[in-house]
N, C-alpha and C. Protein backbone atom coordinates (compact mmCIF):
# COMPACT_ATOMS: atom_id res chain seq x y z
N UNK A 1 0.84 -1.19 0.00
CA UNK A 1 0.00 0.00 0.00
C UNK A 1 0.88 1.24 0.00
N UNK A 2 0.46 2.27 -0.74
CA UNK A 2 1.16 3.53 -0.73
C UNK A 2 1.22 4.06 0.71
N UNK A 3 2.41 4.56 1.16
CA UNK A 3 2.53 5.03 2.55
C UNK A 3 1.53 6.11 2.92
N UNK A 4 1.26 7.04 1.99
CA UNK A 4 0.30 8.10 2.29
C UNK A 4 -1.10 7.53 2.44
N UNK A 5 -1.48 6.62 1.56
CA UNK A 5 -2.79 5.98 1.68
C UNK A 5 -2.90 5.24 3.01
N UNK A 6 -1.82 4.62 3.43
CA UNK A 6 -1.81 3.92 4.73
C UNK A 6 -2.02 4.90 5.87
N UNK A 7 -1.37 6.06 5.79
CA UNK A 7 -1.56 7.08 6.83
C UNK A 7 -3.02 7.54 6.88
N UNK A 8 -3.61 7.75 5.70
CA UNK A 8 -5.01 8.20 5.66
C UNK A 8 -5.93 7.14 6.26
N UNK A 9 -5.67 5.90 5.96
CA UNK A 9 -6.52 4.84 6.50
C UNK A 9 -6.43 4.74 8.02
N UNK A 10 -5.35 5.26 8.57
CA UNK A 10 -5.21 5.26 10.02
C UNK A 10 -5.73 6.52 10.68
N UNK A 11 -6.27 7.46 9.90
CA UNK A 11 -6.74 8.74 10.43
C UNK A 11 -7.97 8.54 11.31
N UNK A 12 -7.97 9.21 12.47
CA UNK A 12 -9.11 9.16 13.40
C UNK A 12 -9.51 10.56 13.85
N UNK A 13 -9.23 11.57 13.01
CA UNK A 13 -9.53 12.95 13.37
C UNK A 13 -11.00 13.18 13.70
N UNK A 14 -11.88 12.45 13.02
CA UNK A 14 -13.31 12.72 13.16
C UNK A 14 -14.02 11.70 14.05
N UNK A 15 -13.30 11.00 14.89
CA UNK A 15 -13.91 9.96 15.72
C UNK A 15 -15.03 10.52 16.60
N UNK A 16 -14.78 11.64 17.25
CA UNK A 16 -15.82 12.22 18.12
C UNK A 16 -16.99 12.75 17.30
N UNK A 17 -16.69 13.34 16.15
CA UNK A 17 -17.75 13.86 15.27
C UNK A 17 -18.68 12.74 14.84
N UNK A 18 -18.12 11.62 14.41
CA UNK A 18 -18.94 10.50 13.93
C UNK A 18 -19.71 9.83 15.07
N UNK A 19 -19.11 9.78 16.24
CA UNK A 19 -19.79 9.18 17.40
C UNK A 19 -21.03 9.98 17.79
N UNK A 20 -21.05 11.26 17.43
CA UNK A 20 -22.19 12.12 17.77
C UNK A 20 -23.28 12.11 16.71
N UNK A 21 -23.09 11.38 15.60
CA UNK A 21 -24.10 11.32 14.55
C UNK A 21 -25.17 10.28 14.89
N UNK A 22 -26.22 10.24 14.09
CA UNK A 22 -27.28 9.25 14.31
C UNK A 22 -26.76 7.83 14.12
N UNK A 23 -25.75 7.66 13.29
CA UNK A 23 -25.20 6.33 13.03
C UNK A 23 -24.16 5.89 14.06
N UNK A 24 -23.57 6.84 14.77
CA UNK A 24 -22.60 6.56 15.84
C UNK A 24 -21.52 5.57 15.39
N UNK A 25 -21.01 5.79 14.19
CA UNK A 25 -20.03 4.88 13.64
C UNK A 25 -18.62 5.35 13.90
N UNK A 26 -17.68 4.45 13.71
CA UNK A 26 -16.27 4.77 13.86
C UNK A 26 -15.69 5.16 12.50
N UNK A 27 -14.63 5.94 12.48
CA UNK A 27 -14.00 6.28 11.19
C UNK A 27 -13.50 5.02 10.48
N UNK A 28 -13.67 5.01 9.17
CA UNK A 28 -13.06 3.99 8.33
C UNK A 28 -12.68 4.66 7.01
N UNK A 29 -11.55 5.35 6.97
CA UNK A 29 -11.16 6.04 5.74
C UNK A 29 -10.96 5.06 4.58
N UNK A 30 -11.52 5.42 3.43
CA UNK A 30 -11.38 4.61 2.22
C UNK A 30 -10.45 5.38 1.28
N UNK A 31 -9.16 5.01 1.30
CA UNK A 31 -8.14 5.69 0.49
C UNK A 31 -7.79 4.80 -0.68
N UNK A 32 -8.09 5.27 -1.89
CA UNK A 32 -7.93 4.44 -3.09
C UNK A 32 -7.19 5.23 -4.16
N UNK A 33 -5.87 5.22 -4.08
CA UNK A 33 -5.06 5.94 -5.06
C UNK A 33 -3.63 5.41 -5.00
N UNK A 34 -2.89 5.76 -6.03
CA UNK A 34 -1.48 5.40 -6.11
C UNK A 34 -0.78 6.47 -6.96
N UNK A 35 0.41 6.93 -6.59
CA UNK A 35 1.11 7.92 -7.41
C UNK A 35 1.25 7.46 -8.86
N UNK A 36 1.03 8.39 -9.78
CA UNK A 36 1.13 8.08 -11.20
C UNK A 36 -0.20 7.82 -11.88
N UNK A 37 -1.30 7.79 -11.12
CA UNK A 37 -2.61 7.57 -11.72
C UNK A 37 -2.91 8.67 -12.73
N UNK A 38 -3.55 8.31 -13.84
CA UNK A 38 -3.81 9.25 -14.94
C UNK A 38 -5.13 10.00 -14.77
N UNK A 39 -6.07 9.37 -14.07
CA UNK A 39 -7.42 9.94 -13.93
C UNK A 39 -7.76 10.05 -12.45
N UNK A 40 -8.35 11.18 -12.07
CA UNK A 40 -8.85 11.37 -10.71
C UNK A 40 -10.37 11.44 -10.74
N UNK A 41 -10.99 10.63 -9.91
CA UNK A 41 -12.43 10.75 -9.66
C UNK A 41 -12.57 11.48 -8.33
N UNK A 42 -13.00 12.73 -8.38
CA UNK A 42 -13.14 13.55 -7.17
C UNK A 42 -14.62 13.60 -6.80
N UNK A 43 -14.96 12.92 -5.72
CA UNK A 43 -16.37 12.84 -5.34
C UNK A 43 -16.65 13.50 -4.00
N UNK A 44 -17.70 13.02 -3.35
CA UNK A 44 -18.18 13.63 -2.11
C UNK A 44 -17.63 12.93 -0.88
N UNK A 45 -18.11 11.73 -0.60
CA UNK A 45 -17.68 10.95 0.55
C UNK A 45 -18.28 9.56 0.41
N UNK A 46 -17.66 8.55 1.02
CA UNK A 46 -18.24 7.21 0.96
C UNK A 46 -19.63 7.17 1.60
N UNK A 47 -20.48 6.32 1.07
CA UNK A 47 -21.78 6.08 1.67
C UNK A 47 -21.71 4.93 2.67
N UNK A 48 -22.86 4.56 3.21
CA UNK A 48 -22.89 3.52 4.23
C UNK A 48 -22.40 2.18 3.70
N UNK A 49 -22.76 1.83 2.47
CA UNK A 49 -22.33 0.55 1.93
C UNK A 49 -20.82 0.51 1.71
N UNK A 50 -20.28 1.62 1.22
CA UNK A 50 -18.82 1.69 1.02
C UNK A 50 -18.11 1.65 2.37
N UNK A 51 -18.70 2.25 3.40
CA UNK A 51 -18.15 2.19 4.75
C UNK A 51 -18.00 0.74 5.19
N UNK A 52 -18.95 -0.09 4.83
CA UNK A 52 -18.89 -1.49 5.22
C UNK A 52 -17.89 -2.29 4.38
N UNK A 53 -17.85 -2.03 3.08
CA UNK A 53 -17.02 -2.84 2.18
C UNK A 53 -15.58 -2.35 2.09
N UNK A 54 -15.36 -1.04 2.29
CA UNK A 54 -14.03 -0.48 2.14
C UNK A 54 -13.62 -0.28 0.69
N UNK A 55 -14.59 -0.40 -0.23
CA UNK A 55 -14.31 -0.27 -1.66
C UNK A 55 -15.10 0.92 -2.19
N UNK A 56 -14.44 1.95 -2.74
CA UNK A 56 -15.17 3.15 -3.17
C UNK A 56 -16.13 2.87 -4.32
N UNK A 57 -17.27 3.52 -4.28
CA UNK A 57 -18.31 3.38 -5.30
C UNK A 57 -18.72 1.92 -5.50
N UNK A 58 -18.74 1.18 -4.41
CA UNK A 58 -19.16 -0.22 -4.46
C UNK A 58 -20.67 -0.30 -4.23
N UNK A 59 -21.42 0.32 -5.12
CA UNK A 59 -22.87 0.39 -4.97
C UNK A 59 -23.49 0.72 -6.33
N UNK A 60 -24.79 0.94 -6.34
CA UNK A 60 -25.47 1.22 -7.61
C UNK A 60 -25.00 2.54 -8.22
N UNK A 61 -24.63 3.50 -7.36
CA UNK A 61 -24.08 4.75 -7.89
C UNK A 61 -22.79 4.49 -8.64
N UNK A 62 -21.98 3.57 -8.12
CA UNK A 62 -20.74 3.21 -8.79
C UNK A 62 -21.00 2.55 -10.14
N UNK A 63 -22.03 1.71 -10.19
CA UNK A 63 -22.38 1.07 -11.47
C UNK A 63 -22.74 2.13 -12.51
N UNK A 64 -23.51 3.11 -12.09
CA UNK A 64 -23.89 4.18 -13.02
C UNK A 64 -22.69 5.01 -13.42
N UNK A 65 -21.83 5.32 -12.46
CA UNK A 65 -20.64 6.12 -12.78
C UNK A 65 -19.73 5.39 -13.77
N UNK A 66 -19.54 4.10 -13.56
CA UNK A 66 -18.71 3.33 -14.49
C UNK A 66 -19.31 3.32 -15.89
N UNK A 67 -20.63 3.26 -15.96
CA UNK A 67 -21.29 3.34 -17.26
C UNK A 67 -21.06 4.70 -17.90
N UNK A 68 -21.16 5.76 -17.11
CA UNK A 68 -20.91 7.10 -17.64
C UNK A 68 -19.49 7.22 -18.19
N UNK A 69 -18.54 6.59 -17.50
CA UNK A 69 -17.14 6.67 -17.92
C UNK A 69 -16.81 5.71 -19.06
N UNK A 70 -17.65 4.71 -19.26
CA UNK A 70 -17.42 3.72 -20.31
C UNK A 70 -16.33 2.72 -19.96
N UNK A 71 -16.21 2.37 -18.68
CA UNK A 71 -15.18 1.43 -18.25
C UNK A 71 -15.79 0.34 -17.37
N UNK A 72 -15.07 -0.78 -17.25
CA UNK A 72 -15.54 -1.87 -16.41
C UNK A 72 -14.96 -1.75 -15.00
N UNK A 73 -15.37 -2.66 -14.12
CA UNK A 73 -14.92 -2.59 -12.72
C UNK A 73 -13.41 -2.76 -12.60
N UNK A 74 -12.84 -3.67 -13.38
CA UNK A 74 -11.41 -3.92 -13.28
C UNK A 74 -10.61 -2.66 -13.59
N UNK A 75 -11.01 -1.95 -14.61
CA UNK A 75 -10.33 -0.70 -14.97
C UNK A 75 -10.56 0.37 -13.91
N UNK A 76 -11.79 0.47 -13.45
CA UNK A 76 -12.15 1.48 -12.46
C UNK A 76 -11.32 1.33 -11.19
N UNK A 77 -11.06 0.09 -10.79
CA UNK A 77 -10.34 -0.15 -9.54
C UNK A 77 -8.84 -0.38 -9.74
N UNK A 78 -8.33 -0.08 -10.91
CA UNK A 78 -6.89 -0.16 -11.17
C UNK A 78 -6.25 1.13 -10.68
N UNK A 79 -5.62 1.10 -9.53
CA UNK A 79 -5.07 2.31 -8.92
C UNK A 79 -3.89 2.88 -9.69
N UNK A 80 -3.31 2.11 -10.59
CA UNK A 80 -2.26 2.67 -11.44
C UNK A 80 -2.84 3.60 -12.49
N UNK A 81 -4.14 3.47 -12.75
CA UNK A 81 -4.81 4.28 -13.77
C UNK A 81 -5.74 5.33 -13.16
N UNK A 82 -6.47 4.94 -12.13
CA UNK A 82 -7.53 5.80 -11.60
C UNK A 82 -7.38 5.97 -10.09
N UNK A 83 -7.36 7.23 -9.66
CA UNK A 83 -7.35 7.57 -8.24
C UNK A 83 -8.73 8.10 -7.85
N UNK A 84 -9.23 7.67 -6.71
CA UNK A 84 -10.55 8.10 -6.25
C UNK A 84 -10.33 8.93 -4.99
N UNK A 85 -10.53 10.24 -5.14
CA UNK A 85 -10.19 11.20 -4.08
C UNK A 85 -11.45 11.99 -3.69
N UNK A 86 -12.19 11.53 -2.70
CA UNK A 86 -13.40 12.26 -2.29
C UNK A 86 -13.08 13.46 -1.42
N UNK A 87 -14.07 14.28 -1.17
CA UNK A 87 -13.91 15.42 -0.29
C UNK A 87 -13.70 14.98 1.15
N UNK A 88 -14.17 13.80 1.50
CA UNK A 88 -13.88 13.20 2.79
C UNK A 88 -13.71 11.70 2.56
N UNK A 89 -12.71 11.13 3.19
CA UNK A 89 -12.41 9.72 2.96
C UNK A 89 -13.29 8.78 3.78
N UNK A 90 -14.01 9.33 4.76
CA UNK A 90 -14.88 8.51 5.61
C UNK A 90 -16.36 8.79 5.31
N UNK A 91 -17.20 7.82 5.61
CA UNK A 91 -18.64 8.00 5.62
C UNK A 91 -18.98 9.00 6.72
N UNK A 92 -19.60 10.15 6.37
CA UNK A 92 -19.88 11.17 7.39
C UNK A 92 -21.02 10.80 8.33
N UNK A 93 -21.86 9.85 7.93
CA UNK A 93 -23.00 9.46 8.75
C UNK A 93 -24.28 10.13 8.31
N UNK A 94 -25.35 9.85 9.04
CA UNK A 94 -26.67 10.43 8.77
C UNK A 94 -27.06 11.37 9.90
N UNK A 95 -27.91 12.32 9.55
CA UNK A 95 -28.47 13.16 10.60
C UNK A 95 -29.71 12.47 11.18
N UNK A 96 -30.40 13.14 12.08
CA UNK A 96 -31.53 12.53 12.78
C UNK A 96 -32.67 12.17 11.83
N UNK A 97 -32.73 12.81 10.65
CA UNK A 97 -33.77 12.52 9.67
C UNK A 97 -33.35 11.46 8.67
N UNK A 98 -32.14 10.94 8.80
CA UNK A 98 -31.67 9.90 7.88
C UNK A 98 -31.03 10.42 6.62
N UNK A 99 -30.73 11.72 6.57
CA UNK A 99 -30.09 12.30 5.40
C UNK A 99 -28.57 12.27 5.56
N UNK A 100 -27.86 12.19 4.43
CA UNK A 100 -26.40 12.20 4.47
C UNK A 100 -25.89 13.52 5.05
N UNK A 101 -24.94 13.42 5.95
CA UNK A 101 -24.27 14.61 6.44
C UNK A 101 -23.20 15.05 5.44
N UNK A 102 -22.87 16.33 5.41
CA UNK A 102 -21.84 16.79 4.46
C UNK A 102 -20.46 16.27 4.85
N UNK A 103 -19.54 16.19 3.90
CA UNK A 103 -18.18 15.76 4.22
C UNK A 103 -17.50 16.79 5.13
N UNK A 104 -16.89 16.36 6.22
CA UNK A 104 -16.21 17.31 7.12
C UNK A 104 -15.05 18.01 6.39
N UNK A 105 -15.02 19.35 6.39
CA UNK A 105 -13.95 20.07 5.68
C UNK A 105 -12.55 19.74 6.17
N UNK A 106 -12.41 19.30 7.42
CA UNK A 106 -11.09 19.02 7.96
C UNK A 106 -10.38 17.91 7.19
N UNK A 107 -11.15 17.04 6.55
CA UNK A 107 -10.54 15.93 5.82
C UNK A 107 -9.75 16.44 4.61
N UNK A 108 -10.38 17.20 3.76
CA UNK A 108 -9.68 17.75 2.59
C UNK A 108 -8.56 18.69 3.01
N UNK A 109 -8.80 19.49 4.06
CA UNK A 109 -7.78 20.42 4.52
C UNK A 109 -6.54 19.69 5.03
N UNK A 110 -6.74 18.52 5.61
CA UNK A 110 -5.62 17.75 6.17
C UNK A 110 -4.87 16.95 5.12
N UNK A 111 -5.61 16.37 4.16
CA UNK A 111 -5.00 15.35 3.29
C UNK A 111 -4.86 15.72 1.82
N UNK A 112 -5.72 16.57 1.29
CA UNK A 112 -5.74 16.77 -0.16
C UNK A 112 -4.42 17.29 -0.72
N UNK A 113 -3.80 18.24 -0.03
CA UNK A 113 -2.54 18.78 -0.54
C UNK A 113 -1.50 17.70 -0.75
N UNK A 114 -1.37 16.82 0.23
CA UNK A 114 -0.40 15.73 0.12
C UNK A 114 -0.79 14.73 -0.97
N UNK A 115 -2.08 14.42 -1.05
CA UNK A 115 -2.53 13.43 -2.03
C UNK A 115 -2.28 13.92 -3.44
N UNK A 116 -2.71 15.13 -3.75
CA UNK A 116 -2.58 15.62 -5.12
C UNK A 116 -1.11 15.87 -5.47
N UNK A 117 -0.29 16.25 -4.49
CA UNK A 117 1.13 16.39 -4.75
C UNK A 117 1.75 15.03 -5.10
N UNK A 118 1.28 13.97 -4.46
CA UNK A 118 1.82 12.64 -4.72
C UNK A 118 1.41 12.11 -6.10
N UNK A 119 0.27 12.56 -6.60
CA UNK A 119 -0.22 12.05 -7.88
C UNK A 119 0.56 12.62 -9.06
N UNK A 120 1.02 13.86 -8.92
CA UNK A 120 1.73 14.48 -10.04
C UNK A 120 0.76 15.00 -11.09
N UNK A 121 1.18 14.95 -12.35
CA UNK A 121 0.39 15.49 -13.46
C UNK A 121 -0.75 14.55 -13.81
N UNK A 122 -1.95 14.98 -13.56
CA UNK A 122 -3.15 14.17 -13.84
C UNK A 122 -3.74 14.62 -15.17
N UNK A 123 -4.04 13.68 -16.04
CA UNK A 123 -4.55 14.02 -17.38
C UNK A 123 -6.03 14.38 -17.38
N UNK A 124 -6.79 13.80 -16.44
CA UNK A 124 -8.24 14.00 -16.44
C UNK A 124 -8.75 13.97 -15.01
N UNK A 125 -9.55 14.96 -14.65
CA UNK A 125 -10.21 14.99 -13.35
C UNK A 125 -11.71 15.04 -13.56
N UNK A 126 -12.41 14.12 -12.94
CA UNK A 126 -13.87 14.03 -13.03
C UNK A 126 -14.43 14.49 -11.69
N UNK A 127 -15.19 15.58 -11.71
CA UNK A 127 -15.73 16.17 -10.49
C UNK A 127 -17.17 15.71 -10.30
N UNK A 128 -17.39 14.85 -9.33
CA UNK A 128 -18.69 14.23 -9.13
C UNK A 128 -19.44 14.95 -8.01
N UNK A 129 -20.45 15.72 -8.36
CA UNK A 129 -21.30 16.37 -7.37
C UNK A 129 -20.84 17.75 -6.97
N UNK A 130 -21.73 18.43 -6.26
CA UNK A 130 -21.52 19.83 -5.93
C UNK A 130 -20.36 20.11 -4.99
N UNK A 131 -20.14 19.27 -3.99
CA UNK A 131 -19.05 19.52 -3.04
C UNK A 131 -17.70 19.55 -3.76
N UNK A 132 -17.47 18.56 -4.61
CA UNK A 132 -16.20 18.50 -5.35
C UNK A 132 -16.08 19.66 -6.33
N UNK A 133 -17.18 20.01 -6.98
CA UNK A 133 -17.13 21.10 -7.96
C UNK A 133 -16.84 22.43 -7.30
N UNK A 134 -17.47 22.69 -6.17
CA UNK A 134 -17.22 23.95 -5.47
C UNK A 134 -15.77 24.03 -4.98
N UNK A 135 -15.26 22.92 -4.51
CA UNK A 135 -13.90 22.90 -3.99
C UNK A 135 -12.86 23.06 -5.09
N UNK A 136 -12.97 22.29 -6.14
CA UNK A 136 -11.94 22.25 -7.17
C UNK A 136 -12.05 23.38 -8.19
N UNK A 137 -13.28 23.85 -8.42
CA UNK A 137 -13.47 24.92 -9.39
C UNK A 137 -13.65 26.29 -8.75
N UNK A 138 -13.89 26.29 -7.44
CA UNK A 138 -14.14 27.56 -6.77
C UNK A 138 -15.43 28.21 -7.20
N UNK A 139 -16.40 27.41 -7.62
CA UNK A 139 -17.65 27.93 -8.12
C UNK A 139 -18.73 27.94 -7.05
N UNK A 140 -19.68 28.85 -7.19
CA UNK A 140 -20.86 28.85 -6.33
C UNK A 140 -22.11 28.51 -7.14
N UNK A 141 -21.90 28.16 -8.39
CA UNK A 141 -23.04 27.84 -9.26
C UNK A 141 -23.67 26.51 -8.85
N UNK A 142 -24.89 26.31 -9.28
CA UNK A 142 -25.57 25.04 -9.01
C UNK A 142 -24.89 23.92 -9.79
N UNK A 143 -25.16 22.69 -9.38
CA UNK A 143 -24.62 21.54 -10.10
C UNK A 143 -25.09 21.56 -11.55
N UNK A 144 -26.36 21.87 -11.75
CA UNK A 144 -26.89 21.88 -13.12
C UNK A 144 -26.15 22.90 -13.99
N UNK A 145 -25.96 24.10 -13.47
CA UNK A 145 -25.27 25.12 -14.24
C UNK A 145 -23.81 24.75 -14.48
N UNK A 146 -23.17 24.16 -13.47
CA UNK A 146 -21.76 23.78 -13.62
C UNK A 146 -21.60 22.68 -14.65
N UNK A 147 -22.47 21.67 -14.58
CA UNK A 147 -22.38 20.57 -15.54
C UNK A 147 -22.75 21.06 -16.94
N UNK A 148 -23.73 21.94 -17.03
CA UNK A 148 -24.13 22.47 -18.34
C UNK A 148 -22.98 23.25 -18.99
N UNK A 149 -22.09 23.81 -18.19
CA UNK A 149 -20.96 24.54 -18.73
C UNK A 149 -19.70 23.70 -18.86
N UNK A 150 -19.88 22.40 -19.03
CA UNK A 150 -18.75 21.47 -19.03
C UNK A 150 -17.71 21.76 -20.11
N UNK A 151 -18.14 22.32 -21.21
CA UNK A 151 -17.20 22.58 -22.31
C UNK A 151 -16.09 23.56 -21.91
N UNK A 152 -16.39 24.43 -20.93
CA UNK A 152 -15.39 25.40 -20.49
C UNK A 152 -14.26 24.73 -19.71
N UNK A 153 -14.51 23.52 -19.21
CA UNK A 153 -13.50 22.81 -18.41
C UNK A 153 -12.81 21.70 -19.19
N UNK A 154 -13.48 21.16 -20.20
CA UNK A 154 -12.94 20.04 -20.97
C UNK A 154 -11.71 20.48 -21.76
N UNK A 155 -10.78 19.57 -22.07
CA UNK A 155 -10.88 18.11 -21.88
C UNK A 155 -10.19 17.60 -20.62
N UNK A 156 -9.63 18.49 -19.79
CA UNK A 156 -8.91 18.03 -18.60
C UNK A 156 -9.81 17.84 -17.39
N UNK A 157 -10.95 18.52 -17.37
CA UNK A 157 -11.88 18.44 -16.24
C UNK A 157 -13.29 18.27 -16.77
N UNK A 158 -14.03 17.33 -16.17
CA UNK A 158 -15.44 17.13 -16.51
C UNK A 158 -16.26 17.13 -15.22
N UNK A 159 -17.19 18.08 -15.05
CA UNK A 159 -18.09 18.06 -13.91
C UNK A 159 -19.30 17.17 -14.21
N UNK A 160 -19.68 16.35 -13.24
CA UNK A 160 -20.82 15.46 -13.39
C UNK A 160 -21.76 15.62 -12.21
N UNK A 161 -23.05 15.32 -12.39
CA UNK A 161 -23.94 15.22 -11.23
C UNK A 161 -23.56 13.97 -10.45
N UNK A 162 -24.05 13.86 -9.24
CA UNK A 162 -23.81 12.63 -8.50
C UNK A 162 -24.56 11.49 -9.20
N UNK A 163 -23.94 10.32 -9.34
CA UNK A 163 -24.60 9.22 -10.05
C UNK A 163 -25.64 8.47 -9.22
N UNK A 164 -26.04 9.03 -8.09
CA UNK A 164 -27.08 8.41 -7.27
C UNK A 164 -28.34 8.19 -8.10
N UNK A 165 -29.02 7.11 -7.80
CA UNK A 165 -30.27 6.82 -8.51
C UNK A 165 -31.37 7.80 -8.12
N UNK A 166 -31.13 8.58 -7.09
CA UNK A 166 -32.07 9.65 -6.75
C UNK A 166 -32.05 10.75 -7.81
N UNK A 167 -31.00 10.78 -8.63
CA UNK A 167 -30.88 11.81 -9.67
C UNK A 167 -31.44 11.36 -11.02
N UNK A 168 -32.17 10.25 -11.03
CA UNK A 168 -32.75 9.78 -12.29
C UNK A 168 -33.69 10.83 -12.89
N UNK A 169 -34.45 11.50 -12.06
CA UNK A 169 -35.35 12.54 -12.56
C UNK A 169 -34.55 13.69 -13.17
N UNK A 170 -33.40 14.02 -12.57
CA UNK A 170 -32.54 15.07 -13.13
C UNK A 170 -32.08 14.68 -14.53
N UNK A 171 -31.72 13.43 -14.73
CA UNK A 171 -31.26 12.97 -16.04
C UNK A 171 -32.38 13.09 -17.08
N UNK A 172 -33.60 12.81 -16.67
CA UNK A 172 -34.73 12.93 -17.60
C UNK A 172 -34.96 14.39 -17.98
N UNK A 173 -34.76 15.30 -17.04
CA UNK A 173 -34.98 16.72 -17.31
C UNK A 173 -33.85 17.33 -18.12
N UNK A 174 -32.71 16.67 -18.14
CA UNK A 174 -31.53 17.22 -18.81
C UNK A 174 -30.95 16.19 -19.79
N UNK A 175 -31.70 15.89 -20.87
CA UNK A 175 -31.25 14.86 -21.81
C UNK A 175 -29.93 15.19 -22.51
N UNK A 176 -29.55 16.46 -22.54
CA UNK A 176 -28.27 16.85 -23.15
C UNK A 176 -27.09 16.20 -22.45
N UNK A 177 -27.26 15.86 -21.17
CA UNK A 177 -26.14 15.26 -20.43
C UNK A 177 -25.70 13.94 -21.06
N UNK A 178 -26.66 13.07 -21.31
CA UNK A 178 -26.33 11.77 -21.92
C UNK A 178 -26.05 11.90 -23.41
N UNK A 179 -26.73 12.83 -24.07
CA UNK A 179 -26.58 12.95 -25.53
C UNK A 179 -25.30 13.69 -25.93
N UNK A 180 -24.88 14.68 -25.13
CA UNK A 180 -23.77 15.53 -25.54
C UNK A 180 -22.51 15.34 -24.69
N UNK A 181 -22.66 15.35 -23.38
CA UNK A 181 -21.48 15.27 -22.52
C UNK A 181 -20.88 13.87 -22.47
N UNK A 182 -21.71 12.86 -22.23
CA UNK A 182 -21.17 11.52 -22.00
C UNK A 182 -20.35 10.96 -23.16
N UNK A 183 -20.76 11.13 -24.43
CA UNK A 183 -19.90 10.61 -25.50
C UNK A 183 -18.50 11.23 -25.51
N UNK A 184 -18.42 12.53 -25.20
CA UNK A 184 -17.12 13.19 -25.17
C UNK A 184 -16.31 12.69 -23.97
N UNK A 185 -16.96 12.54 -22.83
CA UNK A 185 -16.28 12.04 -21.64
C UNK A 185 -15.73 10.63 -21.88
N UNK A 186 -16.55 9.75 -22.43
CA UNK A 186 -16.10 8.38 -22.66
C UNK A 186 -14.92 8.33 -23.63
N UNK A 187 -14.96 9.15 -24.65
CA UNK A 187 -13.84 9.20 -25.60
C UNK A 187 -12.58 9.71 -24.91
N UNK A 188 -12.72 10.70 -24.05
CA UNK A 188 -11.57 11.25 -23.33
C UNK A 188 -10.98 10.22 -22.37
N UNK A 189 -11.82 9.51 -21.64
CA UNK A 189 -11.35 8.47 -20.73
C UNK A 189 -10.58 7.41 -21.50
N UNK A 190 -11.15 6.95 -22.61
CA UNK A 190 -10.49 5.92 -23.43
C UNK A 190 -9.13 6.41 -23.93
N UNK A 191 -9.07 7.66 -24.36
CA UNK A 191 -7.83 8.22 -24.87
C UNK A 191 -6.76 8.30 -23.78
N UNK A 192 -7.14 8.76 -22.60
CA UNK A 192 -6.19 8.87 -21.49
C UNK A 192 -5.66 7.49 -21.09
N UNK A 193 -6.54 6.51 -21.04
CA UNK A 193 -6.12 5.16 -20.68
C UNK A 193 -5.19 4.57 -21.73
N UNK A 194 -5.48 4.82 -23.00
CA UNK A 194 -4.59 4.33 -24.07
C UNK A 194 -3.21 4.97 -23.96
N UNK A 195 -3.19 6.27 -23.70
CA UNK A 195 -1.91 6.96 -23.55
C UNK A 195 -1.12 6.38 -22.38
N UNK A 196 -1.83 6.06 -21.31
CA UNK A 196 -1.17 5.47 -20.16
C UNK A 196 -0.57 4.12 -20.48
N UNK A 197 -1.29 3.33 -21.26
CA UNK A 197 -0.76 2.02 -21.65
C UNK A 197 0.49 2.17 -22.51
N UNK A 198 0.46 3.13 -23.42
CA UNK A 198 1.63 3.34 -24.31
C UNK A 198 2.85 3.80 -23.50
N UNK A 199 2.61 4.68 -22.52
CA UNK A 199 3.72 5.14 -21.70
C UNK A 199 4.31 3.99 -20.90
N UNK A 200 3.42 3.11 -20.39
CA UNK A 200 3.89 1.97 -19.63
C UNK A 200 4.73 1.01 -20.48
N UNK A 201 4.38 0.89 -21.75
CA UNK A 201 5.11 -0.02 -22.63
C UNK A 201 6.48 0.52 -23.01
N UNK A 202 6.66 1.84 -22.95
CA UNK A 202 7.94 2.42 -23.36
C UNK A 202 8.91 2.60 -22.18
N UNK A 203 8.44 2.33 -20.98
CA UNK A 203 9.34 2.49 -19.81
C UNK A 203 10.30 1.32 -19.71
């Protein structure tokens, strides 16, 4: 395991915070990256299922995201190719109403600088959801407006809505996402992965 990823997995900064949530869970950081990865998936935070499995996007949202990217599970979980860097590495828990709590800002403030420095030059960053978009782009726009303006960020950055199945209605209201953005994103992912394979063969 990468030493930095090992350090993150041992992080317990939010132990008291999580103990005070409705779920009263312990920290379980899910750190999934390796220096040299070509693509970064920058998301929000692990959900309850990922908290249990320790595998990022190990749920129906992950299935949808992999479909959006045009890749299979083996490629998605190849840390030499893809780094998964959420705004918080732990499941934040639920509030009293059963809604997801936001990712604690202390996580990104503590770890992101070191993580992104270790990755080096990343060819493609995929920003999944509003938390990641606001952080990485410095935007205050809505997710819809940010994703609709994807051409201003391409080809190195692509903003996406969260792939949660709760967003199925959003996809129906915004057919341009699947018709216009996804074909370009899939082509870009394929191109970056091919370039990575060629570089690996020449080393």
